[in-house]
Amino acid sequence: MTHALINAPKTARRGEIVEIRAMLAHPMETGFRTGTMGKAIPRDIINRFVCTWNGEEIFSADLFPAIAANPYLAFTAVATESGTIAFAWTGDDGETRTAETEITVT
């Protein structure tokens, strides 16, 4: 897996609905295509995404081969307390890529 891009506000007011966006640069190979020698290209997808706010899960998704390369997810959450928003993408090979950002709630 490669580079993660995350976008969440740095500050929010308590009770405010905030948009959180996350993208991971990844080819998402389905396993259905063949390479130049006619041999199947092995499947390599991100199959699980989890977002937590101070350790509490606020969003998760199971991903499947039909999702596009460089999966992009956008969702909303209610700002309740300052802390860390953490993201984790897990691939078919069991590798997990993580990223996090801080948010201050006033």
PDB file of N, CA and C in Angstrom:
ATOM      1  N   MET A   1       0.843  -1.173   0.000  1.00  0.00           N
ATOM      2  CA  MET A   1       0.000   0.000   0.000  1.00  0.00           C
ATOM      3  C   MET A   1       0.883   1.228   0.000  1.00  0.00           C
ATOM      4  N   THR A   2       0.303   2.314  -0.441  1.00  0.00           N
ATOM      5  CA  THR A   2       1.102   3.528  -0.570  1.00  0.00           C
ATOM      6  C   THR A   2       0.517   4.674   0.238  1.00  0.00           C
ATOM      7  N   HIS A   3       0.543   5.838  -0.313  1.00  0.00           N
ATOM      8  CA  HIS A   3       0.249   7.098   0.371  1.00  0.00           C
ATOM      9  C   HIS A   3      -1.237   7.293   0.703  1.00  0.00           C
ATOM     10  N   ALA A   4      -1.516   7.769   1.916  1.00  0.00           N
ATOM     11  CA  ALA A   4      -2.881   8.078   2.352  1.00  0.00           C
ATOM     12  C   ALA A   4      -3.074   9.584   2.401  1.00  0.00           C
ATOM     13  N   LEU A   5      -4.231  10.041   1.954  1.00  0.00           N
ATOM     14  CA  LEU A   5      -4.621  11.449   2.065  1.00  0.00           C
ATOM     15  C   LEU A   5      -5.856  11.516   2.938  1.00  0.00           C
ATOM     16  N   ILE A   6      -5.812  12.352   3.964  1.00  0.00           N
ATOM     17  CA  ILE A   6      -6.975  12.512   4.824  1.00  0.00           C
ATOM     18  C   ILE A   6      -7.303  13.991   4.950  1.00  0.00           C
ATOM     19  N   ASN A   7      -8.595  14.262   5.095  1.00  0.00           N
ATOM     20  CA  ASN A   7      -9.043  15.635   5.211  1.00  0.00           C
ATOM     21  C   ASN A   7     -10.152  15.680   6.254  1.00  0.00           C
ATOM     22  N   ALA A   8      -9.881  16.386   7.333  1.00  0.00           N
ATOM     23  CA  ALA A   8     -10.856  16.605   8.396  1.00  0.00           C
ATOM     24  C   ALA A   8     -10.575  17.989   8.963  1.00  0.00           C
ATOM     25  N   PRO A   9     -11.588  18.661   9.471  1.00  0.00           N
ATOM     26  CA  PRO A   9     -11.339  19.996  10.017  1.00  0.00           C
ATOM     27  C   PRO A   9     -10.407  19.940  11.225  1.00  0.00           C
ATOM     28  N   LYS A  10      -9.604  20.964  11.395  1.00  0.00           N
ATOM     29  CA  LYS A  10      -8.698  21.051  12.545  1.00  0.00           C
ATOM     30  C   LYS A  10      -9.445  21.455  13.806  1.00  0.00           C
ATOM     31  N   THR A  11     -10.531  22.236  13.621  1.00  0.00           N
ATOM     32  CA  THR A  11     -11.341  22.676  14.757  1.00  0.00           C
ATOM     33  C   THR A  11     -12.817  22.516  14.416  1.00  0.00           C
ATOM     34  N   ALA A  12     -13.623  22.360  15.456  1.00  0.00           N
ATOM     35  CA  ALA A  12     -15.079  22.276  15.299  1.00  0.00           C
ATOM     36  C   ALA A  12     -15.718  22.681  16.614  1.00  0.00           C
ATOM     37  N   ARG A  13     -16.982  23.076  16.539  1.00  0.00           N
ATOM     38  CA  ARG A  13     -17.729  23.383  17.747  1.00  0.00           C
ATOM     39  C   ARG A  13     -18.424  22.113  18.233  1.00  0.00           C
ATOM     40  N   ARG A  14     -18.557  21.952  19.527  1.00  0.00           N
ATOM     41  CA  ARG A  14     -19.219  20.775  20.096  1.00  0.00           C
ATOM     42  C   ARG A  14     -20.622  20.643  19.492  1.00  0.00           C
ATOM     43  N   GLY A  15     -20.946  19.441  19.005  1.00  0.00           N
ATOM     44  CA  GLY A  15     -22.249  19.184  18.388  1.00  0.00           C
ATOM     45  C   GLY A  15     -22.300  19.455  16.897  1.00  0.00           C
ATOM     46  N   GLU A  16     -21.259  20.066  16.352  1.00  0.00           N
ATOM     47  CA  GLU A  16     -21.213  20.377  14.924  1.00  0.00           C
ATOM     48  C   GLU A  16     -21.013  19.080  14.118  1.00  0.00           C
ATOM     49  N   ILE A  17     -21.661  19.002  12.963  1.00  0.00           N
ATOM     50  CA  ILE A  17     -21.457  17.876  12.059  1.00  0.00           C
ATOM     51  C   ILE A  17     -20.287  18.220  11.157  1.00  0.00           C
ATOM     52  N   VAL A  18     -19.275  17.352  11.154  1.00  0.00           N
ATOM     53  CA  VAL A  18     -18.066  17.584  10.359  1.00  0.00           C
ATOM     54  C   VAL A  18     -17.954  16.519   9.275  1.00  0.00           C
ATOM     55  N   GLU A  19     -17.426  16.923   8.122  1.00  0.00           N
ATOM     56  CA  GLU A  19     -17.181  15.973   7.042  1.00  0.00           C
ATOM     57  C   GLU A  19     -15.744  15.485   7.135  1.00  0.00           C
ATOM     58  N   ILE A  20     -15.576  14.190   7.001  1.00  0.00           N
ATOM     59  CA  ILE A  20     -14.260  13.553   7.043  1.00  0.00           C
ATOM     60  C   ILE A  20     -14.076  12.825   5.725  1.00  0.00           C
ATOM     61  N   ARG A  21     -12.924  13.048   5.092  1.00  0.00           N
ATOM     62  CA  ARG A  21     -12.637  12.408   3.798  1.00  0.00           C
ATOM     63  C   ARG A  21     -11.305  11.678   3.873  1.00  0.00           C
ATOM     64  N   ALA A  22     -11.249  10.520   3.233  1.00  0.00           N
ATOM     65  CA  ALA A  22     -10.028   9.717   3.252  1.00  0.00           C
ATOM     66  C   ALA A  22      -9.834   9.033   1.905  1.00  0.00           C
ATOM     67  N   MET A  23      -8.585   9.004   1.428  1.00  0.00           N
ATOM     68  CA  MET A  23      -8.258   8.322   0.190  1.00  0.00           C
ATOM     69  C   MET A  23      -6.911   7.626   0.358  1.00  0.00           C
ATOM     70  N   LEU A  24      -6.818   6.434  -0.209  1.00  0.00           N
ATOM     71  CA  LEU A  24      -5.562   5.701  -0.186  1.00  0.00           C
ATOM     72  C   LEU A  24      -5.158   5.389  -1.611  1.00  0.00           C
ATOM     73  N   ALA A  25      -3.942   5.773  -1.977  1.00  0.00           N
ATOM     74  CA  ALA A  25      -3.425   5.463  -3.316  1.00  0.00           C
ATOM     75  C   ALA A  25      -3.139   3.962  -3.359  1.00  0.00           C
ATOM     76  N   HIS A  26      -3.940   3.240  -4.130  1.00  0.00           N
ATOM     77  CA  HIS A  26      -3.818   1.784  -4.204  1.00  0.00           C
ATOM     78  C   HIS A  26      -4.431   1.314  -5.523  1.00  0.00           C
ATOM     79  N   PRO A  27      -3.797   0.372  -6.235  1.00  0.00           N
ATOM     80  CA  PRO A  27      -4.303  -0.043  -7.553  1.00  0.00           C
ATOM     81  C   PRO A  27      -5.591  -0.859  -7.514  1.00  0.00           C
ATOM     82  N   MET A  28      -5.931  -1.488  -6.397  1.00  0.00           N
ATOM     83  CA  MET A  28      -7.149  -2.299  -6.268  1.00  0.00           C
ATOM     84  C   MET A  28      -7.286  -3.294  -7.423  1.00  0.00           C
ATOM     85  N   GLU A  29      -6.356  -4.186  -7.543  1.00  0.00           N
ATOM     86  CA  GLU A  29      -6.376  -5.209  -8.600  1.00  0.00           C
ATOM     87  C   GLU A  29      -7.390  -6.298  -8.247  1.00  0.00           C
ATOM     88  N   THR A  30      -8.340  -6.562  -9.161  1.00  0.00           N
ATOM     89  CA  THR A  30      -9.456  -7.475  -8.893  1.00  0.00           C
ATOM     90  C   THR A  30      -9.095  -8.949  -8.942  1.00  0.00           C
ATOM     91  N   GLY A  31      -8.046  -9.297  -9.654  1.00  0.00           N
ATOM     92  CA  GLY A  31      -7.694 -10.696  -9.830  1.00  0.00           C
ATOM     93  C   GLY A  31      -8.341 -11.309 -11.066  1.00  0.00           C
ATOM     94  N   PHE A  32      -9.148 -10.533 -11.787  1.00  0.00           N
ATOM     95  CA  PHE A  32      -9.844 -11.028 -12.974  1.00  0.00           C
ATOM     96  C   PHE A  32      -9.105 -10.694 -14.269  1.00  0.00           C
ATOM     97  N   ARG A  33      -8.129  -9.794 -14.208  1.00  0.00           N
ATOM     98  CA  ARG A  33      -7.409  -9.406 -15.428  1.00  0.00           C
ATOM     99  C   ARG A  33      -6.207 -10.307 -15.648  1.00  0.00           C
ATOM    100  N   THR A  34      -5.755 -10.331 -16.894  1.00  0.00           N
ATOM    101  CA  THR A  34      -4.540 -11.086 -17.205  1.00  0.00           C
ATOM    102  C   THR A  34      -3.445 -10.110 -17.609  1.00  0.00           C
ATOM    103  N   GLY A  35      -2.200 -10.501 -17.337  1.00  0.00           N
ATOM    104  CA  GLY A  35      -1.046  -9.679 -17.682  1.00  0.00           C
ATOM    105  C   GLY A  35      -0.630  -9.896 -19.120  1.00  0.00           C
ATOM    106  N   THR A  36       0.498  -9.344 -19.481  1.00  0.00           N
ATOM    107  CA  THR A  36       0.985  -9.409 -20.865  1.00  0.00           C
ATOM    108  C   THR A  36       1.303 -10.828 -21.318  1.00  0.00           C
ATOM    109  N   MET A  37       1.624 -11.721 -20.404  1.00  0.00           N
ATOM    110  CA  MET A  37       1.942 -13.106 -20.755  1.00  0.00           C
ATOM    111  C   MET A  37       0.711 -14.019 -20.659  1.00  0.00           C
ATOM    112  N   GLY A  38      -0.464 -13.456 -20.442  1.00  0.00           N
ATOM    113  CA  GLY A  38      -1.683 -14.242 -20.344  1.00  0.00           C
ATOM    114  C   GLY A  38      -1.932 -14.855 -18.979  1.00  0.00           C
ATOM    115  N   LYS A  39      -1.066 -14.572 -18.031  1.00  0.00           N
ATOM    116  CA  LYS A  39      -1.215 -15.095 -16.681  1.00  0.00           C
ATOM    117  C   LYS A  39      -2.055 -14.133 -15.845  1.00  0.00           C
ATOM    118  N   ALA A  40      -2.927 -14.676 -14.999  1.00  0.00           N
ATOM    119  CA  ALA A  40      -3.796 -13.839 -14.165  1.00  0.00           C
ATOM    120  C   ALA A  40      -2.966 -12.964 -13.222  1.00  0.00           C
ATOM    121  N   ILE A  41      -3.355 -11.696 -13.121  1.00  0.00           N
ATOM    122  CA  ILE A  41      -2.725 -10.784 -12.168  1.00  0.00           C
ATOM    123  C   ILE A  41      -3.365 -11.071 -10.809  1.00  0.00           C
ATOM    124  N   PRO A  42      -2.579 -11.347  -9.774  1.00  0.00           N
ATOM    125  CA  PRO A  42      -3.158 -11.704  -8.473  1.00  0.00           C
ATOM    126  C   PRO A  42      -4.034 -10.587  -7.898  1.00  0.00           C
ATOM    127  N   ARG A  43      -5.085 -10.996  -7.214  1.00  0.00           N
ATOM    128  CA  ARG A  43      -5.983 -10.043  -6.549  1.00  0.00           C
ATOM    129  C   ARG A  43      -5.211  -9.312  -5.458  1.00  0.00           C
ATOM    130  N   ASP A  44      -5.429  -8.003  -5.371  1.00  0.00           N
ATOM    131  CA  ASP A  44      -4.789  -7.164  -4.358  1.00  0.00           C
ATOM    132  C   ASP A  44      -5.702  -5.977  -4.107  1.00  0.00           C
ATOM    133  N   ILE A  45      -6.621  -6.133  -3.159  1.00  0.00           N
ATOM    134  CA  ILE A  45      -7.549  -5.037  -2.859  1.00  0.00           C
ATOM    135  C   ILE A  45      -7.477  -4.680  -1.383  1.00  0.00           C
ATOM    136  N   ILE A  46      -7.967  -3.500  -1.070  1.00  0.00           N
ATOM    137  CA  ILE A  46      -8.182  -3.087   0.310  1.00  0.00           C
ATOM    138  C   ILE A  46      -9.569  -3.641   0.639  1.00  0.00           C
ATOM    139  N   ASN A  47      -9.687  -4.454   1.652  1.00  0.00           N
ATOM    140  CA  ASN A  47     -10.996  -5.042   1.914  1.00  0.00           C
ATOM    141  C   ASN A  47     -11.682  -4.504   3.168  1.00  0.00           C
ATOM    142  N   ARG A  48     -10.981  -3.690   3.954  1.00  0.00           N
ATOM    143  CA  ARG A  48     -11.593  -3.160   5.170  1.00  0.00           C
ATOM    144  C   ARG A  48     -11.066  -1.768   5.467  1.00  0.00           C
ATOM    145  N   PHE A  49     -11.987  -0.870   5.827  1.00  0.00           N
ATOM    146  CA  PHE A  49     -11.631   0.491   6.237  1.00  0.00           C
ATOM    147  C   PHE A  49     -12.327   0.759   7.567  1.00  0.00           C
ATOM    148  N   VAL A  50     -11.590   1.333   8.520  1.00  0.00           N
ATOM    149  CA  VAL A  50     -12.155   1.682   9.827  1.00  0.00           C
ATOM    150  C   VAL A  50     -11.656   3.061  10.219  1.00  0.00           C
ATOM    151  N   CYS A  51     -12.570   3.893  10.722  1.00  0.00           N
ATOM    152  CA  CYS A  51     -12.212   5.213  11.247  1.00  0.00           C
ATOM    153  C   CYS A  51     -12.659   5.280  12.698  1.00  0.00           C
ATOM    154  N   THR A  52     -11.746   5.731  13.575  1.00  0.00           N
ATOM    155  CA  THR A  52     -12.082   5.880  14.992  1.00  0.00           C
ATOM    156  C   THR A  52     -11.825   7.317  15.438  1.00  0.00           C
ATOM    157  N   TRP A  53     -12.585   7.736  16.425  1.00  0.00           N
ATOM    158  CA  TRP A  53     -12.407   9.055  17.044  1.00  0.00           C
ATOM    159  C   TRP A  53     -12.086   8.770  18.504  1.00  0.00           C
ATOM    160  N   ASN A  54     -10.869   9.059  18.934  1.00  0.00           N
ATOM    161  CA  ASN A  54     -10.393   8.749  20.292  1.00  0.00           C
ATOM    162  C   ASN A  54     -10.621   7.275  20.634  1.00  0.00           C
ATOM    163  N   GLY A  55     -10.367   6.396  19.666  1.00  0.00           N
ATOM    164  CA  GLY A  55     -10.467   4.970  19.904  1.00  0.00           C
ATOM    165  C   GLY A  55     -11.854   4.377  19.720  1.00  0.00           C
ATOM    166  N   GLU A  56     -12.872   5.210  19.554  1.00  0.00           N
ATOM    167  CA  GLU A  56     -14.237   4.724  19.359  1.00  0.00           C
ATOM    168  C   GLU A  56     -14.558   4.717  17.861  1.00  0.00           C
ATOM    169  N   GLU A  57     -14.980   3.571  17.351  1.00  0.00           N
ATOM    170  CA  GLU A  57     -15.283   3.454  15.924  1.00  0.00           C
ATOM    171  C   GLU A  57     -16.471   4.337  15.553  1.00  0.00           C
ATOM    172  N   ILE A  58     -16.260   5.191  14.527  1.00  0.00           N
ATOM    173  CA  ILE A  58     -17.342   6.057  14.068  1.00  0.00           C
ATOM    174  C   ILE A  58     -17.800   5.708  12.655  1.00  0.00           C
ATOM    175  N   PHE A  59     -16.956   4.970  11.904  1.00  0.00           N
ATOM    176  CA  PHE A  59     -17.315   4.577  10.543  1.00  0.00           C
ATOM    177  C   PHE A  59     -16.458   3.386  10.146  1.00  0.00           C
ATOM    178  N   SER A  60     -17.075   2.440   9.429  1.00  0.00           N
ATOM    179  CA  SER A  60     -16.306   1.329   8.871  1.00  0.00           C
ATOM    180  C   SER A  60     -16.966   0.891   7.576  1.00  0.00           C
ATOM    181  N   ALA A  61     -16.183   0.257   6.722  1.00  0.00           N
ATOM    182  CA  ALA A  61     -16.696  -0.225   5.437  1.00  0.00           C
ATOM    183  C   ALA A  61     -15.931  -1.455   5.005  1.00  0.00           C
ATOM    184  N   ASP A  62     -16.652  -2.422   4.453  1.00  0.00           N
ATOM    185  CA  ASP A  62     -16.032  -3.565   3.796  1.00  0.00           C
ATOM    186  C   ASP A  62     -15.993  -3.240   2.314  1.00  0.00           C
ATOM    187  N   LEU A  63     -14.826  -3.371   1.696  1.00  0.00           N
ATOM    188  CA  LEU A  63     -14.661  -3.044   0.283  1.00  0.00           C
ATOM    189  C   LEU A  63     -14.506  -4.327  -0.523  1.00  0.00           C
ATOM    190  N   PHE A  64     -14.940  -4.279  -1.780  1.00  0.00           N
ATOM    191  CA  PHE A  64     -14.944  -5.451  -2.644  1.00  0.00           C
ATOM    192  C   PHE A  64     -14.266  -5.124  -3.968  1.00  0.00           C
ATOM    193  N   PRO A  65     -13.974  -6.123  -4.814  1.00  0.00           N
ATOM    194  CA  PRO A  65     -13.234  -5.879  -6.061  1.00  0.00           C
ATOM    195  C   PRO A  65     -13.864  -4.843  -6.991  1.00  0.00           C
ATOM    196  N   ALA A  66     -15.146  -4.587  -6.884  1.00  0.00           N
ATOM    197  CA  ALA A  66     -15.792  -3.637  -7.789  1.00  0.00           C
ATOM    198  C   ALA A  66     -15.463  -2.175  -7.477  1.00  0.00           C
ATOM    199  N   ILE A  67     -14.830  -1.887  -6.346  1.00  0.00           N
ATOM    200  CA  ILE A  67     -14.488  -0.496  -6.019  1.00  0.00           C
ATOM    201  C   ILE A  67     -13.304  -0.034  -6.872  1.00  0.00           C
ATOM    202  N   ALA A  68     -13.286   1.229  -7.175  1.00  0.00           N
ATOM    203  CA  ALA A  68     -12.244   1.795  -8.045  1.00  0.00           C
ATOM    204  C   ALA A  68     -10.879   1.818  -7.358  1.00  0.00           C
ATOM    205  N   ALA A  69      -9.859   1.954  -8.177  1.00  0.00           N
ATOM    206  CA  ALA A  69      -8.507   2.157  -7.655  1.00  0.00           C
ATOM    207  C   ALA A  69      -8.495   3.450  -6.844  1.00  0.00           C
ATOM    208  N   ASN A  70      -7.563   3.559  -5.913  1.00  0.00           N
ATOM    209  CA  ASN A  70      -7.439   4.730  -5.056  1.00  0.00           C
ATOM    210  C   ASN A  70      -8.750   5.015  -4.327  1.00  0.00           C
ATOM    211  N   PRO A  71      -9.223   4.073  -3.502  1.00  0.00           N
ATOM    212  CA  PRO A  71     -10.524   4.236  -2.859  1.00  0.00           C
ATOM    213  C   PRO A  71     -10.624   5.533  -2.056  1.00  0.00           C
ATOM    214  N   TYR A  72     -11.745   6.230  -2.275  1.00  0.00           N
ATOM    215  CA  TYR A  72     -12.039   7.511  -1.635  1.00  0.00           C
ATOM    216  C   TYR A  72     -13.330   7.341  -0.852  1.00  0.00           C
ATOM    217  N   LEU A  73     -13.324   7.704   0.402  1.00  0.00           N
ATOM    218  CA  LEU A  73     -14.506   7.602   1.248  1.00  0.00           C
ATOM    219  C   LEU A  73     -14.747   8.944   1.915  1.00  0.00           C
ATOM    220  N   ALA A  74     -16.007   9.349   1.976  1.00  0.00           N
ATOM    221  CA  ALA A  74     -16.390  10.585   2.654  1.00  0.00           C
ATOM    222  C   ALA A  74     -17.607  10.283   3.528  1.00  0.00           C
ATOM    223  N   PHE A  75     -17.593  10.792   4.742  1.00  0.00           N
ATOM    224  CA  PHE A  75     -18.682  10.556   5.674  1.00  0.00           C
ATOM    225  C   PHE A  75     -18.711  11.699   6.688  1.00  0.00           C
ATOM    226  N   THR A  76     -19.753  11.744   7.500  1.00  0.00           N
ATOM    227  CA  THR A  76     -19.867  12.801   8.500  1.00  0.00           C
ATOM    228  C   THR A  76     -19.890  12.190   9.902  1.00  0.00           C
ATOM    229  N   ALA A  77     -19.543  13.033  10.864  1.00  0.00           N
ATOM    230  CA  ALA A  77     -19.570  12.643  12.273  1.00  0.00           C
ATOM    231  C   ALA A  77     -19.913  13.879  13.098  1.00  0.00           C
ATOM    232  N   VAL A  78     -20.423  13.660  14.283  1.00  0.00           N
ATOM    233  CA  VAL A  78     -20.733  14.759  15.193  1.00  0.00           C
ATOM    234  C   VAL A  78     -19.521  14.994  16.088  1.00  0.00           C
ATOM    235  N   ALA A  79     -19.063  16.244  16.136  1.00  0.00           N
ATOM    236  CA  ALA A  79     -17.911  16.604  16.971  1.00  0.00           C
ATOM    237  C   ALA A  79     -18.350  16.609  18.436  1.00  0.00           C
ATOM    238  N   THR A  80     -17.786  15.704  19.216  1.00  0.00           N
ATOM    239  CA  THR A  80     -18.156  15.620  20.632  1.00  0.00           C
ATOM    240  C   THR A  80     -17.022  16.000  21.567  1.00  0.00           C
ATOM    241  N   GLU A  81     -15.780  15.665  21.168  1.00  0.00           N
ATOM    242  CA  GLU A  81     -14.633  15.978  22.023  1.00  0.00           C
ATOM    243  C   GLU A  81     -13.364  16.086  21.193  1.00  0.00           C
ATOM    244  N   SER A  82     -12.400  16.834  21.703  1.00  0.00           N
ATOM    245  CA  SER A  82     -11.108  16.968  21.038  1.00  0.00           C
ATOM    246  C   SER A  82     -10.388  15.634  21.075  1.00  0.00           C
ATOM    247  N   GLY A  83      -9.501  15.428  20.094  1.00  0.00           N
ATOM    248  CA  GLY A  83      -8.712  14.206  20.129  1.00  0.00           C
ATOM    249  C   GLY A  83      -8.195  13.794  18.768  1.00  0.00           C
ATOM    250  N   THR A  84      -8.022  12.486  18.613  1.00  0.00           N
ATOM    251  CA  THR A  84      -7.413  11.913  17.418  1.00  0.00           C
ATOM    252  C   THR A  84      -8.447  11.179  16.581  1.00  0.00           C
ATOM    253  N   ILE A  85      -8.454  11.489  15.297  1.00  0.00           N
ATOM    254  CA  ILE A  85      -9.249  10.731  14.337  1.00  0.00           C
ATOM    255  C   ILE A  85      -8.256   9.830  13.620  1.00  0.00           C
ATOM    256  N   ALA A  86      -8.441   8.515  13.750  1.00  0.00           N
ATOM    257  CA  ALA A  86      -7.504   7.542  13.176  1.00  0.00           C
ATOM    258  C   ALA A  86      -8.183   6.743  12.071  1.00  0.00           C
ATOM    259  N   PHE A  87      -7.414   6.433  11.041  1.00  0.00           N
ATOM    260  CA  PHE A  87      -7.903   5.709   9.872  1.00  0.00           C
ATOM    261  C   PHE A  87      -7.060   4.451   9.700  1.00  0.00           C
ATOM    262  N   ALA A  88      -7.692   3.351   9.306  1.00  0.00           N
ATOM    263  CA  ALA A  88      -6.950   2.110   9.050  1.00  0.00           C
ATOM    264  C   ALA A  88      -7.548   1.403   7.839  1.00  0.00           C
ATOM    265  N   TRP A  89      -6.690   1.087   6.873  1.00  0.00           N
ATOM    266  CA  TRP A  89      -7.073   0.342   5.672  1.00  0.00           C
ATOM    267  C   TRP A  89      -6.365  -1.002   5.738  1.00  0.00           C
ATOM    268  N   THR A  90      -7.084  -2.113   5.582  1.00  0.00           N
ATOM    269  CA  THR A  90      -6.472  -3.438   5.614  1.00  0.00           C
ATOM    270  C   THR A  90      -6.639  -4.099   4.256  1.00  0.00           C
ATOM    271  N   GLY A  91      -5.544  -4.648   3.737  1.00  0.00           N
ATOM    272  CA  GLY A  91      -5.553  -5.275   2.422  1.00  0.00           C
ATOM    273  C   GLY A  91      -5.692  -6.781   2.493  1.00  0.00           C
ATOM    274  N   ASP A  92      -5.813  -7.405   1.321  1.00  0.00           N
ATOM    275  CA  ASP A  92      -5.914  -8.857   1.215  1.00  0.00           C
ATOM    276  C   ASP A  92      -4.733  -9.577   1.862  1.00  0.00           C
ATOM    277  N   ASP A  93      -3.565  -8.951   1.804  1.00  0.00           N
ATOM    278  CA  ASP A  93      -2.366  -9.595   2.342  1.00  0.00           C
ATOM    279  C   ASP A  93      -2.234  -9.424   3.858  1.00  0.00           C
ATOM    280  N   GLY A  94      -3.223  -8.783   4.480  1.00  0.00           N
ATOM    281  CA  GLY A  94      -3.200  -8.579   5.925  1.00  0.00           C
ATOM    282  C   GLY A  94      -2.476  -7.320   6.356  1.00  0.00           C
ATOM    283  N   GLU A  95      -1.823  -6.643   5.421  1.00  0.00           N
ATOM    284  CA  GLU A  95      -1.114  -5.405   5.742  1.00  0.00           C
ATOM    285  C   GLU A  95      -2.124  -4.305   6.059  1.00  0.00           C
ATOM    286  N   THR A  96      -1.849  -3.544   7.099  1.00  0.00           N
ATOM    287  CA  THR A  96      -2.719  -2.428   7.467  1.00  0.00           C
ATOM    288  C   THR A  96      -1.946  -1.130   7.354  1.00  0.00           C
ATOM    289  N   ARG A  97      -2.536  -0.172   6.659  1.00  0.00           N
ATOM    290  CA  ARG A  97      -1.965   1.171   6.508  1.00  0.00           C
ATOM    291  C   ARG A  97      -2.779   2.084   7.405  1.00  0.00           C
ATOM    292  N   THR A  98      -2.129   2.942   8.174  1.00  0.00           N
ATOM    293  CA  THR A  98      -2.841   3.827   9.088  1.00  0.00           C
ATOM    294  C   THR A  98      -2.451   5.278   8.854  1.00  0.00           C
ATOM    295  N   ALA A  99      -3.327   6.147   9.269  1.00  0.00           N
ATOM    296  CA  ALA A  99      -3.076   7.589   9.245  1.00  0.00           C
ATOM    297  C   ALA A  99      -3.939   8.194  10.342  1.00  0.00           C
ATOM    298  N   GLU A 100      -3.579   9.355  10.804  1.00  0.00           N
ATOM    299  CA  GLU A 100      -4.391  10.020  11.821  1.00  0.00           C
ATOM    300  C   GLU A 100      -4.228  11.523  11.739  1.00  0.00           C
ATOM    301  N   THR A 101      -5.206  12.204  12.312  1.00  0.00           N
ATOM    302  CA  THR A 101      -5.194  13.654  12.378  1.00  0.00           C
ATOM    303  C   THR A 101      -5.811  14.078  13.704  1.00  0.00           C
ATOM    304  N   GLU A 102      -5.496  15.277  14.131  1.00  0.00           N
ATOM    305  CA  GLU A 102      -6.018  15.800  15.389  1.00  0.00           C
ATOM    306  C   GLU A 102      -7.146  16.788  15.104  1.00  0.00           C
ATOM    307  N   ILE A 103      -8.113  16.829  16.034  1.00  0.00           N
ATOM    308  CA  ILE A 103      -9.197  17.804  15.938  1.00  0.00           C
ATOM    309  C   ILE A 103      -9.411  18.413  17.318  1.00  0.00           C
ATOM    310  N   THR A 104      -9.648  19.726  17.336  1.00  0.00           N
ATOM    311  CA  THR A 104      -9.916  20.441  18.579  1.00  0.00           C
ATOM    312  C   THR A 104     -11.377  20.847  18.591  1.00  0.00           C
ATOM    313  N   VAL A 105     -12.099  20.414  19.599  1.00  0.00           N
ATOM    314  CA  VAL A 105     -13.526  20.732  19.728  1.00  0.00           C
ATOM    315  C   VAL A 105     -13.681  21.749  20.851  1.00  0.00           C
ATOM    316  N   THR A 106     -14.372  22.851  20.526  1.00  0.00           N
ATOM    317  CA  THR A 106     -14.572  23.918  21.516  1.00  0.00           C
ATOM    318  C   THR A 106     -16.014  24.059  21.904  1.00  0.00           C
TER     319      THR A 106
END
